[in-house]
Structures are given as structure tokens and as C-alpha cells.
Protein backbone atom coordinates (compact mmCIF):
# COMPACT_ATOMS: atom_id res chain seq x y z
CA MET A 1 -0.08 0.56 0.29
CA LYS A 2 2.55 2.52 0.63
CA ALA A 3 4.43 1.74 -2.67
CA LEU A 4 1.18 2.71 -4.21
CA ALA A 5 0.94 5.77 -2.53
CA LEU A 6 4.47 6.50 -3.44
CA VAL A 7 4.07 6.09 -6.97
CA VAL A 8 1.19 7.70 -7.37
CA ALA A 9 2.96 10.47 -5.42
CA CYS A 10 5.71 10.52 -7.94
CA VAL A 11 3.39 10.60 -10.88
CA ALA A 12 1.76 13.63 -9.36
CA THR A 13 4.70 15.44 -8.78
CA GLY A 14 5.90 14.44 -12.28
CA ALA A 15 2.73 16.41 -13.33
CA LEU A 16 3.25 19.35 -11.69
CA LEU A 17 6.57 19.78 -12.77
CA ALA A 18 6.04 19.17 -16.44
CA GLY A 19 3.28 21.44 -16.37
CA CYS A 20 5.43 24.27 -14.71
CA SER A 21 7.92 23.47 -17.14
CA SER A 22 5.81 23.36 -20.45
CA ALA A 23 5.83 27.52 -19.82
CA GLY A 24 9.45 27.23 -20.96
CA LYS A 25 12.12 29.90 -20.58
CA PRO A 26 11.41 33.06 -18.11
CA THR A 27 10.87 36.15 -20.60
CA ASN A 28 10.30 39.65 -19.76
CA LYS A 29 8.35 40.65 -22.71
CA ASP A 30 5.49 41.48 -20.82
CA ASP A 31 7.19 44.89 -19.72
CA SER A 32 3.58 46.03 -17.85
CA THR A 33 3.33 42.48 -16.12
CA PHE A 34 6.87 43.04 -14.69
CA ALA A 35 9.94 44.89 -15.68
CA TYR A 36 13.51 45.10 -13.64
CA LEU A 37 14.01 48.72 -12.82
CA LEU A 38 17.53 48.58 -14.35
CA ASP A 39 16.15 47.31 -17.45
CA ARG A 40 13.76 50.38 -18.10
CA PRO A 41 14.65 52.56 -21.04
CA THR A 42 16.05 55.89 -19.53
CA ASN A 43 14.74 59.12 -21.07
CA TRP A 44 17.92 60.73 -19.24
CA VAL A 45 18.32 64.77 -20.40
CA GLU A 46 21.53 66.24 -19.88
CA ASN A 47 21.20 69.82 -18.12
CA LYS A 48 22.17 72.53 -20.66
CA VAL A 49 25.56 73.76 -20.00
CA ASP A 50 24.90 77.41 -21.11
CA THR A 51 27.32 79.59 -18.72
CA LEU A 52 30.80 78.16 -18.01
CA PRO A 53 32.32 78.69 -14.86
CA PRO A 54 35.53 82.13 -14.54
CA LEU A 55 38.98 80.69 -15.27
CA PRO A 56 40.30 79.04 -12.21
CA GLN A 57 42.51 81.16 -9.57
CA ASP A 58 45.68 79.24 -8.18
CA SER A 59 44.41 80.10 -4.88
CA ASN A 60 41.19 78.09 -5.75
CA LEU A 61 43.21 75.14 -7.03
CA LEU A 62 42.90 71.68 -5.11
CA PRO A 63 45.45 69.13 -6.25
CA PHE A 64 44.86 65.39 -6.18
CA GLU A 65 46.84 62.13 -7.07
CA VAL A 66 46.74 60.44 -9.58
CA SER A 67 49.91 58.06 -10.21
CA GLY A 68 53.09 58.31 -8.97
CA ASN A 69 54.64 57.51 -12.19
CA THR A 70 53.61 60.30 -13.83
CA PRO A 71 55.05 63.80 -13.85
CA LEU A 72 51.66 65.49 -14.20
CA GLN A 73 50.38 68.13 -11.63
CA PHE A 74 46.41 67.67 -11.37
CA ALA A 75 44.23 69.81 -9.74
CA VAL A 76 40.45 70.88 -9.66
CA ASP A 77 39.34 74.59 -9.43
CA ARG A 78 36.89 74.70 -5.72
CA THR A 79 34.66 76.86 -6.96
CA SER A 80 33.93 76.16 -10.30
CA LEU A 81 32.20 72.26 -8.91
CA THR A 82 29.05 71.46 -9.35
CA VAL A 83 26.62 68.82 -9.23
CA GLY A 84 23.70 68.74 -11.47
CA SER A 85 20.60 67.05 -10.70
CA ASP A 86 21.24 65.25 -14.18
CA GLY A 87 23.71 63.45 -11.80
CA VAL A 88 26.63 64.95 -13.80
CA VAL A 89 29.63 66.28 -11.71
CA ARG A 90 31.31 69.72 -13.21
CA TYR A 91 34.55 70.72 -12.84
CA THR A 92 37.59 72.72 -14.07
CA VAL A 93 40.74 70.61 -14.32
CA VAL A 94 44.33 72.25 -14.35
CA VAL A 95 47.25 69.66 -15.31
CA THR A 96 50.13 71.26 -15.07
CA SER A 97 53.92 69.63 -16.47
CA PRO A 98 57.00 69.61 -15.24
CA SER A 99 57.97 72.90 -17.48
CA GLY A 100 54.85 75.06 -15.97
CA ALA A 101 52.91 74.25 -19.48
CA ARG A 102 48.82 73.69 -18.61
CA ASN A 103 46.27 72.42 -19.77
CA VAL A 104 42.54 73.70 -18.69
CA ASN A 105 39.50 72.03 -19.23
CA TYR A 106 35.88 72.64 -18.15
CA GLU A 107 34.58 68.99 -18.42
CA GLY A 108 32.15 66.52 -16.54
CA ILE A 109 31.61 63.29 -15.56
CA ARG A 110 28.20 61.32 -16.12
CA CYS A 111 28.13 59.06 -13.10
CA ASP A 112 25.59 56.70 -13.86
CA THR A 113 27.56 55.61 -17.17
CA TYR A 114 30.97 56.35 -16.12
CA GLU A 115 31.73 58.55 -19.25
CA TRP A 116 33.34 62.01 -19.37
CA ARG A 117 32.94 65.42 -21.67
CA LEU A 118 34.58 67.80 -22.39
CA TYR A 119 32.24 71.45 -22.49
CA ALA A 120 35.83 74.00 -23.06
CA GLY A 121 39.17 74.34 -22.70
CA LEU A 122 41.69 77.41 -22.27
CA ASN A 123 41.67 79.54 -25.52
CA ALA A 124 45.02 80.44 -27.44
CA ASP A 125 45.13 83.49 -25.93
CA HIS A 126 44.66 82.35 -22.31
CA ASP A 127 42.08 85.07 -21.22
CA GLY A 128 38.91 82.97 -22.39
CA TRP A 129 37.25 79.86 -22.68
CA ASP A 130 37.16 77.83 -26.51
CA ARG A 131 33.96 75.67 -26.64
CA THR A 132 35.08 74.14 -30.04
CA VAL A 133 36.72 71.50 -28.23
CA GLU A 134 33.71 70.34 -27.22
CA ASN A 135 32.83 66.75 -27.76
CA ASP A 136 30.21 64.27 -26.50
CA PHE A 137 30.20 61.83 -23.67
CA THR A 138 32.73 59.23 -23.74
CA ARG A 139 34.17 55.80 -21.94
CA ILE A 140 36.52 56.61 -18.79
CA GLU A 141 40.18 55.04 -19.71
CA ASN A 142 41.57 53.32 -16.95
CA GLY A 143 44.92 52.51 -15.73
CA ALA A 144 46.04 54.77 -18.10
CA LEU A 145 49.28 56.62 -16.77
CA ASN A 146 47.80 60.13 -17.00
CA ALA A 147 44.14 58.54 -16.19
CA TYR A 148 42.76 61.34 -13.91
CA HIS A 149 39.04 61.07 -15.24
CA ALA A 150 39.22 57.75 -13.46
CA VAL A 151 40.86 58.74 -10.12
CA LEU A 152 39.08 61.51 -9.81
CA TYR A 153 35.45 58.84 -10.73
CA GLN A 154 36.42 56.21 -8.00
CA ASP A 155 38.27 58.39 -5.56
CA TYR A 156 36.07 61.87 -5.29
CA LEU A 157 33.03 62.07 -7.32
CA CYS A 158 30.99 58.80 -8.00
CA ALA A 159 29.75 56.06 -5.78
CA ASN A 160 26.96 53.05 -6.45
CA LYS A 161 26.74 55.28 -9.74
CA ILE A 162 25.79 58.32 -8.36
CA PRO A 163 27.31 61.71 -7.47
CA THR A 164 29.20 60.95 -4.23
CA GLY A 165 27.33 64.15 -2.25
CA SER A 166 26.96 67.77 -3.12
CA ALA A 167 29.73 70.11 -4.63
CA LYS A 168 30.91 71.36 -1.20
CA SER A 169 31.25 68.05 0.67
CA ILE A 170 33.08 66.50 -2.60
CA VAL A 171 35.34 69.59 -2.68
CA GLU A 172 36.27 68.99 1.41
CA ASN A 173 37.05 65.46 0.14
CA ILE A 174 39.59 66.53 -2.53
CA ARG A 175 40.98 69.15 -0.01
CA TYR A 176 41.66 66.36 2.47
CA LYS A 177 42.63 64.00 0.33
CA ARG A 178 39.31 61.60 1.57
CA THR A 179 39.34 59.45 -1.15
CA ALA A 180 36.26 56.68 -1.15
CA GLY A 181 39.30 53.50 -0.07
CA SER A 182 40.61 56.30 2.41
CA MET A 183 36.96 56.14 4.22
CA ILE A 184 36.44 52.69 4.06
CA HIS A 185 35.97 51.38 7.35
């Protein structure tokens, strides 16, 4: 009798499992029923950048370390750093060579996509911005000797695909060299 009950239970379980598996592999074709939050299409729109910050003053520059192997020095203008409602952290960066030559750019890093873009660079007369150098967002390169975008993204500006805080808190972190790695307890 126990053997018969076991056989009936096994057959019933097999039929139940067969019915469940007949639906095939799960799909996400019917988004109205269920959709993963991160699978939803985004309608991200970048904030317009109509006005540019004033050119940086040396007294407002906050140096940050990129690599011990590069002769270049990197700094962010503390007065230019902003956190946009679009999730883009914008800032002026100054890259100085050992001979004193400077590259000055106004840039943005988009935290949710690990991308950066150039809005303007210092003009040839060194007295204003040149917007003709503006480009679209491009992927941040890791591991390069002068990959300061990756350092800014990973150490100061972004965490979990969002800005690490207000402009004021990011400036304070750069000022006191509080990197994301140093704040883990």
C-alpha cells in the first residue's frame, strides 16, 4: 500500500513539474506585467551648460594624486565644481607639466555611465574659454598613466553610479584627500 501511494505521489509531482516547465524559459517580453528597474529605458536628459565658470585662480586649485609615475600635476578648481540634477559632476581641471605648461579644461563626469565629456578648454590667448573643443560623453579609460578621469570618478566624485554628495562635500574630500578607499572602515 505504501509503495502504491509513493508511486501516485511521484506521478502527481512529475505531472505538476511538467506543467510548470511547459511554459518554457522565462521572458521579460511583457513589460507591463514585470520589468526590472534597471532594464527600463531611461529618458536621461543632460542639463544645459550655457554659462561657464570663471577661469581658475591658483588659490582655488585643489591638487589630487593620479599616479606616482606621472610627472604631471593635477588639480580641480574648487569654485567650479557643481553637482547637476542630471547626475553629472562638472568641474575645471588644471593639468600642469614639469616645465609649467598648463592644460585647463571645463569637464563633466556622468556617474551613472562611467563617462566624461569636455565642455570647453582654455583659449589660445589664455584669457577665456574655447567651446569649439567640446565633445560628447565618452567612456573613461582606466589604467593609463594620466587617467585622471578614472581617479576623479572612483576616488572623489561618484559611488554606486551617483554623485558622492553635494559639491561642498566633494570639494572637502578632495581638499583633505579623503578618497573613497580611505573612507572604508
